[in-house]
């Protein structure tokens, strides 16, 4: 985690712009990080298109997802996703919620998303499903109530990501760079898995390969290289 609040705000902004540039976000989706010095707070932007997020847009919230300072701007309706996961998972330092087109066929069909490419080992061997209908019946599909956020956090459990039926995905990380890498790699895996299924033959990573490849991918050098690459791409797109 960044150890400076201004740096943390800047990383949240960069992460939003990266994920928008790489097609994980469109007009919707959001990234947060746990506060660098107060684990009872987190940082999340105001409600704005992710590709336009600046550090000044990033606000502080407590773990009940209430803004620390009375807001003068519109807030994300689904911020309870972040607060409830931070409450349930002290190890989580960054959270992303998105509706990337690559993962939506899995959210709709219920077919498991499993690691089939090297870089996607970091999503873990299992990506569970959460169906809002199970606990709440018919809803708007938005996760806006604390009890809905807590239900989603329970479905996530100890895993790195959860697929939300007919809605999208929520991904977590030990820091913002890991989170961005995992979110992008998960979408790349989804695209590769669908193409392989269409060809009629699917070869997956073994549990051992998943564990070893994930450890390698999350070592300092790959994390630095991927962050540098995606940051440069996002900056170039803004020019």
C-alpha atoms as a PDB file:
ATOM      1  CA  UNK A   1       0.000   0.000   0.000  1.00  0.00           C
ATOM      2  CA  UNK A   2       1.143   3.563  -0.578  1.00  0.00           C
ATOM      3  CA  UNK A   3       2.255   5.074   2.751  1.00  0.00           C
ATOM      4  CA  UNK A   4       1.221   8.613   1.850  1.00  0.00           C
ATOM      5  CA  UNK A   5      -2.381   9.749   1.516  1.00  0.00           C
ATOM      6  CA  UNK A   6      -1.752  11.901  -1.564  1.00  0.00           C
ATOM      7  CA  UNK A   7       0.104   9.027  -3.233  1.00  0.00           C
ATOM      8  CA  UNK A   8      -2.776   6.672  -2.396  1.00  0.00           C
ATOM      9  CA  UNK A   9      -5.275   9.074  -3.980  1.00  0.00           C
ATOM     10  CA  UNK A  10      -3.098   9.312  -7.069  1.00  0.00           C
ATOM     11  CA  UNK A  11      -2.864   5.528  -7.365  1.00  0.00           C
ATOM     12  CA  UNK A  12      -6.649   5.204  -7.132  1.00  0.00           C
ATOM     13  CA  UNK A  13      -6.993   7.707  -9.977  1.00  0.00           C
ATOM     14  CA  UNK A  14      -4.386   5.949 -12.115  1.00  0.00           C
ATOM     15  CA  UNK A  15      -5.988   2.557 -11.483  1.00  0.00           C
ATOM     16  CA  UNK A  16      -9.371   3.841 -12.642  1.00  0.00           C
ATOM     17  CA  UNK A  17      -7.870   5.297 -15.806  1.00  0.00           C
ATOM     18  CA  UNK A  18      -5.866   2.130 -16.541  1.00  0.00           C
ATOM     19  CA  UNK A  19      -8.889  -0.130 -16.186  1.00  0.00           C
ATOM     20  CA  UNK A  20     -10.942   2.178 -18.388  1.00  0.00           C
ATOM     21  CA  UNK A  21      -8.203   2.229 -21.027  1.00  0.00           C
ATOM     22  CA  UNK A  22      -7.833  -1.568 -20.967  1.00  0.00           C
ATOM     23  CA  UNK A  23     -11.565  -2.157 -21.439  1.00  0.00           C
ATOM     24  CA  UNK A  24     -12.359  -3.461 -17.957  1.00  0.00           C
ATOM     25  CA  UNK A  25     -14.380  -0.289 -17.215  1.00  0.00           C
ATOM     26  CA  UNK A  26     -16.633   1.708 -19.494  1.00  0.00           C
ATOM     27  CA  UNK A  27     -18.772   4.519 -18.066  1.00  0.00           C
ATOM     28  CA  UNK A  28     -19.256   2.354 -14.982  1.00  0.00           C
ATOM     29  CA  UNK A  29     -17.042   0.547 -12.473  1.00  0.00           C
ATOM     30  CA  UNK A  30     -14.914   1.721  -9.578  1.00  0.00           C
ATOM     31  CA  UNK A  31     -11.683   1.075  -7.662  1.00  0.00           C
ATOM     32  CA  UNK A  32     -10.923   1.754  -4.006  1.00  0.00           C
ATOM     33  CA  UNK A  33      -7.944   1.295  -1.698  1.00  0.00           C
ATOM     34  CA  UNK A  34      -7.842   0.963   2.051  1.00  0.00           C
ATOM     35  CA  UNK A  35      -6.611   4.121   3.770  1.00  0.00           C
ATOM     36  CA  UNK A  36      -2.792   3.913   4.088  1.00  0.00           C
ATOM     37  CA  UNK A  37      -2.730   4.779   7.805  1.00  0.00           C
ATOM     38  CA  UNK A  38      -6.279   4.095   9.056  1.00  0.00           C
ATOM     39  CA  UNK A  39      -7.578   0.568   8.312  1.00  0.00           C
ATOM     40  CA  UNK A  40     -11.045   1.704   9.348  1.00  0.00           C
ATOM     41  CA  UNK A  41     -11.320   3.914   6.264  1.00  0.00           C
ATOM     42  CA  UNK A  42     -10.991   3.547   2.517  1.00  0.00           C
ATOM     43  CA  UNK A  43     -10.514   5.826  -0.490  1.00  0.00           C
ATOM     44  CA  UNK A  44     -13.007   5.837  -3.362  1.00  0.00           C
ATOM     45  CA  UNK A  45     -13.678   8.466  -6.041  1.00  0.00           C
ATOM     46  CA  UNK A  46     -16.848  10.467  -6.392  1.00  0.00           C
ATOM     47  CA  UNK A  47     -19.308   9.129  -8.937  1.00  0.00           C
ATOM     48  CA  UNK A  48     -17.652   9.857 -12.251  1.00  0.00           C
ATOM     49  CA  UNK A  49     -16.703   7.980 -15.415  1.00  0.00           C
ATOM     50  CA  UNK A  50     -13.559   5.993 -14.505  1.00  0.00           C
ATOM     51  CA  UNK A  51     -11.460   7.230 -17.404  1.00  0.00           C
ATOM     52  CA  UNK A  52     -11.791  10.800 -16.134  1.00  0.00           C
ATOM     53  CA  UNK A  53     -10.926  10.229 -12.470  1.00  0.00           C
ATOM     54  CA  UNK A  54      -8.312  12.565 -10.974  1.00  0.00           C
ATOM     55  CA  UNK A  55      -6.703  12.424  -7.533  1.00  0.00           C
ATOM     56  CA  UNK A  56      -8.885  15.351  -6.417  1.00  0.00           C
ATOM     57  CA  UNK A  57     -11.982  13.202  -7.045  1.00  0.00           C
ATOM     58  CA  UNK A  58     -10.940  10.627  -4.430  1.00  0.00           C
ATOM     59  CA  UNK A  59     -12.815  10.830  -1.107  1.00  0.00           C
ATOM     60  CA  UNK A  60     -12.487   9.134   2.297  1.00  0.00           C
ATOM     61  CA  UNK A  61     -15.139   6.752   3.635  1.00  0.00           C
ATOM     62  CA  UNK A  62     -15.505   4.766   6.839  1.00  0.00           C
ATOM     63  CA  UNK A  63     -16.149   1.031   6.631  1.00  0.00           C
ATOM     64  CA  UNK A  64     -19.900   1.646   6.832  1.00  0.00           C
ATOM     65  CA  UNK A  65     -19.357   3.431   3.499  1.00  0.00           C
ATOM     66  CA  UNK A  66     -20.311   6.828   4.882  1.00  0.00           C
ATOM     67  CA  UNK A  67     -18.184   9.766   3.690  1.00  0.00           C
ATOM     68  CA  UNK A  68     -15.850  11.127   6.366  1.00  0.00           C
ATOM     69  CA  UNK A  69     -16.559  14.685   5.206  1.00  0.00           C
ATOM     70  CA  UNK A  70     -20.086  15.728   4.128  1.00  0.00           C
ATOM     71  CA  UNK A  71     -20.026  15.447   0.334  1.00  0.00           C
ATOM     72  CA  UNK A  72     -20.783  18.185  -2.167  1.00  0.00           C
ATOM     73  CA  UNK A  73     -20.634  15.742  -5.090  1.00  0.00           C
ATOM     74  CA  UNK A  74     -22.524  12.638  -6.205  1.00  0.00           C
ATOM     75  CA  UNK A  75     -21.327   9.347  -4.642  1.00  0.00           C
ATOM     76  CA  UNK A  76     -21.299   5.839  -6.116  1.00  0.00           C
ATOM     77  CA  UNK A  77     -24.481   3.982  -5.162  1.00  0.00           C
ATOM     78  CA  UNK A  78     -22.636   0.664  -4.821  1.00  0.00           C
ATOM     79  CA  UNK A  79     -19.911   1.808  -2.436  1.00  0.00           C
ATOM     80  CA  UNK A  80     -21.139  -0.715   0.173  1.00  0.00           C
ATOM     81  CA  UNK A  81     -19.377  -3.348  -1.943  1.00  0.00           C
ATOM     82  CA  UNK A  82     -16.078  -1.825  -0.871  1.00  0.00           C
ATOM     83  CA  UNK A  83     -16.885  -1.137   2.770  1.00  0.00           C
ATOM     84  CA  UNK A  84     -18.363  -4.584   3.421  1.00  0.00           C
ATOM     85  CA  UNK A  85     -15.406  -6.378   1.855  1.00  0.00           C
ATOM     86  CA  UNK A  86     -12.909  -4.308   3.867  1.00  0.00           C
ATOM     87  CA  UNK A  87     -14.879  -5.176   6.999  1.00  0.00           C
ATOM     88  CA  UNK A  88     -14.901  -8.901   6.206  1.00  0.00           C
ATOM     89  CA  UNK A  89     -11.336  -9.197   4.851  1.00  0.00           C
ATOM     90  CA  UNK A  90      -8.607  -7.388   6.842  1.00  0.00           C
ATOM     91  CA  UNK A  91      -6.069  -8.695   4.311  1.00  0.00           C
ATOM     92  CA  UNK A  92      -7.712  -6.864   1.398  1.00  0.00           C
ATOM     93  CA  UNK A  93      -6.179  -3.482   0.580  1.00  0.00           C
ATOM     94  CA  UNK A  94      -7.860  -2.743  -2.763  1.00  0.00           C
ATOM     95  CA  UNK A  95     -11.230  -3.545  -4.369  1.00  0.00           C
ATOM     96  CA  UNK A  96     -12.548  -3.286  -7.936  1.00  0.00           C
ATOM     97  CA  UNK A  97     -16.117  -3.717  -9.179  1.00  0.00           C
ATOM     98  CA  UNK A  98     -16.731  -3.911 -12.931  1.00  0.00           C
ATOM     99  CA  UNK A  99     -19.009  -5.200 -15.680  1.00  0.00           C
ATOM    100  CA  UNK A 100     -16.415  -6.084 -18.324  1.00  0.00           C
ATOM    101  CA  UNK A 101     -17.919  -7.664 -21.428  1.00  0.00           C
ATOM    102  CA  UNK A 102     -15.337 -10.469 -21.265  1.00  0.00           C
ATOM    103  CA  UNK A 103     -16.696 -11.853 -17.984  1.00  0.00           C
ATOM    104  CA  UNK A 104     -20.397 -11.265 -18.622  1.00  0.00           C
ATOM    105  CA  UNK A 105     -20.993 -14.573 -20.514  1.00  0.00           C
ATOM    106  CA  UNK A 106     -19.777 -16.411 -17.405  1.00  0.00           C
ATOM    107  CA  UNK A 107     -21.964 -14.264 -15.147  1.00  0.00           C
ATOM    108  CA  UNK A 108     -24.964 -15.071 -17.351  1.00  0.00           C
ATOM    109  CA  UNK A 109     -24.344 -18.762 -18.026  1.00  0.00           C
ATOM    110  CA  UNK A 110     -22.966 -19.817 -14.661  1.00  0.00           C
ATOM    111  CA  UNK A 111     -20.075 -21.618 -16.385  1.00  0.00           C
ATOM    112  CA  UNK A 112     -17.066 -21.486 -14.012  1.00  0.00           C
ATOM    113  CA  UNK A 113     -14.232 -19.132 -14.889  1.00  0.00           C
ATOM    114  CA  UNK A 114     -11.017 -21.100 -14.365  1.00  0.00           C
ATOM    115  CA  UNK A 115      -7.333 -20.322 -15.070  1.00  0.00           C
ATOM    116  CA  UNK A 116      -6.372 -21.320 -18.600  1.00  0.00           C
ATOM    117  CA  UNK A 117      -3.498 -18.874 -19.231  1.00  0.00           C
ATOM    118  CA  UNK A 118      -0.312 -18.199 -17.282  1.00  0.00           C
ATOM    119  CA  UNK A 119      -0.946 -14.594 -16.215  1.00  0.00           C
ATOM    120  CA  UNK A 120      -4.438 -15.409 -14.967  1.00  0.00           C
ATOM    121  CA  UNK A 121      -3.152 -17.764 -12.289  1.00  0.00           C
ATOM    122  CA  UNK A 122      -3.365 -14.730 -10.014  1.00  0.00           C
ATOM    123  CA  UNK A 123      -7.160 -14.902 -10.041  1.00  0.00           C
ATOM    124  CA  UNK A 124      -6.901 -18.139  -8.060  1.00  0.00           C
ATOM    125  CA  UNK A 125      -8.078 -21.652  -8.817  1.00  0.00           C
ATOM    126  CA  UNK A 126     -11.697 -20.864  -7.863  1.00  0.00           C
ATOM    127  CA  UNK A 127     -13.878 -17.867  -8.684  1.00  0.00           C
ATOM    128  CA  UNK A 128     -17.184 -18.314  -6.812  1.00  0.00           C
ATOM    129  CA  UNK A 129     -20.587 -17.040  -7.916  1.00  0.00           C
ATOM    130  CA  UNK A 130     -22.987 -14.762  -6.050  1.00  0.00           C
ATOM    131  CA  UNK A 131     -26.641 -14.571  -7.008  1.00  0.00           C
ATOM    132  CA  UNK A 132     -28.457 -11.637  -5.449  1.00  0.00           C
ATOM    133  CA  UNK A 133     -31.787 -13.416  -5.958  1.00  0.00           C
ATOM    134  CA  UNK A 134     -30.858 -16.124  -3.469  1.00  0.00           C
ATOM    135  CA  UNK A 135     -31.018 -13.758  -0.507  1.00  0.00           C
ATOM    136  CA  UNK A 136     -33.073 -10.832  -1.786  1.00  0.00           C
ATOM    137  CA  UNK A 137     -35.370 -11.953  -4.611  1.00  0.00           C
ATOM    138  CA  UNK A 138     -36.004  -9.419  -7.356  1.00  0.00           C
ATOM    139  CA  UNK A 139     -33.836  -6.294  -7.052  1.00  0.00           C
ATOM    140  CA  UNK A 140     -32.430  -3.607  -9.323  1.00  0.00           C
ATOM    141  CA  UNK A 141     -29.235  -5.774  -9.389  1.00  0.00           C
ATOM    142  CA  UNK A 142     -27.341  -2.867  -7.801  1.00  0.00           C
ATOM    143  CA  UNK A 143     -25.610  -3.626  -4.503  1.00  0.00           C
ATOM    144  CA  UNK A 144     -26.741  -0.637  -2.461  1.00  0.00           C
ATOM    145  CA  UNK A 145     -27.812  -1.986   0.937  1.00  0.00           C
ATOM    146  CA  UNK A 146     -25.364  -3.036   3.680  1.00  0.00           C
ATOM    147  CA  UNK A 147     -26.986  -6.463   3.896  1.00  0.00           C
ATOM    148  CA  UNK A 148     -26.423  -6.916   0.161  1.00  0.00           C
ATOM    149  CA  UNK A 149     -22.781  -5.923   0.512  1.00  0.00           C
ATOM    150  CA  UNK A 150     -22.316  -8.347   3.393  1.00  0.00           C
ATOM    151  CA  UNK A 151     -23.909 -11.145   1.374  1.00  0.00           C
ATOM    152  CA  UNK A 152     -21.513 -10.468  -1.502  1.00  0.00           C
ATOM    153  CA  UNK A 153     -18.540 -10.430   0.888  1.00  0.00           C
ATOM    154  CA  UNK A 154     -19.604 -13.823   2.270  1.00  0.00           C
ATOM    155  CA  UNK A 155     -19.748 -15.252  -1.257  1.00  0.00           C
ATOM    156  CA  UNK A 156     -16.281 -13.875  -1.992  1.00  0.00           C
ATOM    157  CA  UNK A 157     -15.015 -15.626   1.132  1.00  0.00           C
ATOM    158  CA  UNK A 158     -11.232 -16.131   1.047  1.00  0.00           C
ATOM    159  CA  UNK A 159     -11.027 -15.870  -2.741  1.00  0.00           C
ATOM    160  CA  UNK A 160      -9.615 -13.129  -4.981  1.00  0.00           C
ATOM    161  CA  UNK A 161     -12.702 -12.538  -7.119  1.00  0.00           C
ATOM    162  CA  UNK A 162     -16.413 -13.280  -7.256  1.00  0.00           C
ATOM    163  CA  UNK A 163     -18.728 -13.355 -10.269  1.00  0.00           C
ATOM    164  CA  UNK A 164     -22.084 -11.659  -9.744  1.00  0.00           C
ATOM    165  CA  UNK A 165     -24.854 -13.396 -11.690  1.00  0.00           C
ATOM    166  CA  UNK A 166     -26.198 -11.252 -14.547  1.00  0.00           C
ATOM    167  CA  UNK A 167     -24.264  -8.249 -13.173  1.00  0.00           C
ATOM    168  CA  UNK A 168     -20.452  -8.304 -13.284  1.00  0.00           C
ATOM    169  CA  UNK A 169     -17.502  -9.079 -11.048  1.00  0.00           C
ATOM    170  CA  UNK A 170     -15.765  -7.890  -7.904  1.00  0.00           C
ATOM    171  CA  UNK A 171     -12.016  -8.364  -7.503  1.00  0.00           C
ATOM    172  CA  UNK A 172      -9.702  -7.792  -4.529  1.00  0.00           C
ATOM    173  CA  UNK A 173      -5.971  -7.377  -4.024  1.00  0.00           C
ATOM    174  CA  UNK A 174      -3.216  -6.918  -1.476  1.00  0.00           C
ATOM    175  CA  UNK A 175      -2.443  -3.548  -3.103  1.00  0.00           C
ATOM    176  CA  UNK A 176      -3.646  -1.509  -6.041  1.00  0.00           C
ATOM    177  CA  UNK A 177      -1.057  -2.823  -8.510  1.00  0.00           C
ATOM    178  CA  UNK A 178      -1.965  -6.417  -7.750  1.00  0.00           C
ATOM    179  CA  UNK A 179      -5.639  -5.532  -8.081  1.00  0.00           C
ATOM    180  CA  UNK A 180      -5.187  -3.946 -11.503  1.00  0.00           C
ATOM    181  CA  UNK A 181      -3.097  -6.870 -12.747  1.00  0.00           C
ATOM    182  CA  UNK A 182      -5.668  -9.385 -11.477  1.00  0.00           C
ATOM    183  CA  UNK A 183      -8.642  -7.507 -12.963  1.00  0.00           C
ATOM    184  CA  UNK A 184      -7.059  -7.275 -16.416  1.00  0.00           C
ATOM    185  CA  UNK A 185      -5.682 -10.823 -16.407  1.00  0.00           C
ATOM    186  CA  UNK A 186      -9.067 -12.184 -15.366  1.00  0.00           C
ATOM    187  CA  UNK A 187     -10.673 -10.570 -18.422  1.00  0.00           C
ATOM    188  CA  UNK A 188      -7.910 -11.881 -20.680  1.00  0.00           C
ATOM    189  CA  UNK A 189      -8.501 -15.351 -19.255  1.00  0.00           C
ATOM    190  CA  UNK A 190     -12.247 -15.083 -19.865  1.00  0.00           C
ATOM    191  CA  UNK A 191     -11.674 -14.209 -23.526  1.00  0.00           C
ATOM    192  CA  UNK A 192      -9.178 -17.071 -23.982  1.00  0.00           C
ATOM    193  CA  UNK A 193     -11.438 -19.558 -22.203  1.00  0.00           C
ATOM    194  CA  UNK A 194     -14.424 -18.660 -24.396  1.00  0.00           C
ATOM    195  CA  UNK A 195     -12.362 -19.002 -27.571  1.00  0.00           C
ATOM    196  CA  UNK A 196     -10.964 -22.363 -26.509  1.00  0.00           C
ATOM    197  CA  UNK A 197     -14.460 -23.598 -25.586  1.00  0.00           C
ATOM    198  CA  UNK A 198     -15.666 -22.523 -29.038  1.00  0.00           C
ATOM    199  CA  UNK A 199     -12.862 -24.608 -30.573  1.00  0.00           C
ATOM    200  CA  UNK A 200     -14.017 -27.595 -28.546  1.00  0.00           C
ATOM    201  CA  UNK A 201     -10.950 -28.271 -26.411  1.00  0.00           C
ATOM    202  CA  UNK A 202     -10.114 -26.671 -23.049  1.00  0.00           C
ATOM    203  CA  UNK A 203      -6.806 -27.260 -21.273  1.00  0.00           C
ATOM    204  CA  UNK A 204      -6.671 -25.662 -17.819  1.00  0.00           C
ATOM    205  CA  UNK A 205      -3.857 -24.929 -15.404  1.00  0.00           C
ATOM    206  CA  UNK A 206      -3.400 -27.558 -12.713  1.00  0.00           C
ATOM    207  CA  UNK A 207      -3.682 -26.490  -9.055  1.00  0.00           C
ATOM    208  CA  UNK A 208       0.098 -26.723  -8.782  1.00  0.00           C
ATOM    209  CA  UNK A 209       0.667 -24.625 -11.885  1.00  0.00           C
ATOM    210  CA  UNK A 210      -1.846 -22.063 -10.636  1.00  0.00           C
ATOM    211  CA  UNK A 211      -0.073 -21.712  -7.295  1.00  0.00           C
ATOM    212  CA  UNK A 212       3.436 -21.501  -8.767  1.00  0.00           C
ATOM    213  CA  UNK A 213       2.519 -19.171 -11.630  1.00  0.00           C
ATOM    214  CA  UNK A 214       0.604 -16.850  -9.304  1.00  0.00           C
ATOM    215  CA  UNK A 215       3.593 -16.539  -6.982  1.00  0.00           C
ATOM    216  CA  UNK A 216       5.840 -15.736  -9.933  1.00  0.00           C
ATOM    217  CA  UNK A 217       3.425 -13.217 -11.466  1.00  0.00           C
ATOM    218  CA  UNK A 218       2.959 -11.379  -8.167  1.00  0.00           C
ATOM    219  CA  UNK A 219       6.666 -10.965  -7.479  1.00  0.00           C
ATOM    220  CA  UNK A 220       7.994  -7.370  -7.558  1.00  0.00           C
ATOM    221  CA  UNK A 221       9.382  -7.329 -11.090  1.00  0.00           C
ATOM    222  CA  UNK A 222       6.209  -8.454 -12.948  1.00  0.00           C
ATOM    223  CA  UNK A 223       4.075  -6.117 -10.830  1.00  0.00           C
ATOM    224  CA  UNK A 224       6.352  -3.174 -11.630  1.00  0.00           C
ATOM    225  CA  UNK A 225       6.503  -4.014 -15.346  1.00  0.00           C
ATOM    226  CA  UNK A 226       2.759  -4.390 -15.775  1.00  0.00           C
ATOM    227  CA  UNK A 227       2.005  -1.197 -13.825  1.00  0.00           C
ATOM    228  CA  UNK A 228       4.561   0.739 -15.907  1.00  0.00           C
ATOM    229  CA  UNK A 229       3.138  -0.650 -19.153  1.00  0.00           C
ATOM    230  CA  UNK A 230      -0.516   0.035 -18.376  1.00  0.00           C
ATOM    231  CA  UNK A 231       0.230   3.455 -16.886  1.00  0.00           C
ATOM    232  CA  UNK A 232       2.097   4.491 -20.047  1.00  0.00           C
ATOM    233  CA  UNK A 233      -0.782   3.262 -22.220  1.00  0.00           C
ATOM    234  CA  UNK A 234      -3.325   5.201 -20.180  1.00  0.00           C
ATOM    235  CA  UNK A 235      -1.216   8.362 -20.273  1.00  0.00           C
ATOM    236  CA  UNK A 236      -0.735   8.062 -24.024  1.00  0.00           C
ATOM    237  CA  UNK A 237      -4.487   7.696 -24.517  1.00  0.00           C
ATOM    238  CA  UNK A 238      -5.083  10.978 -22.663  1.00  0.00           C
ATOM    239  CA  UNK A 239      -2.845  13.007 -24.963  1.00  0.00           C
END
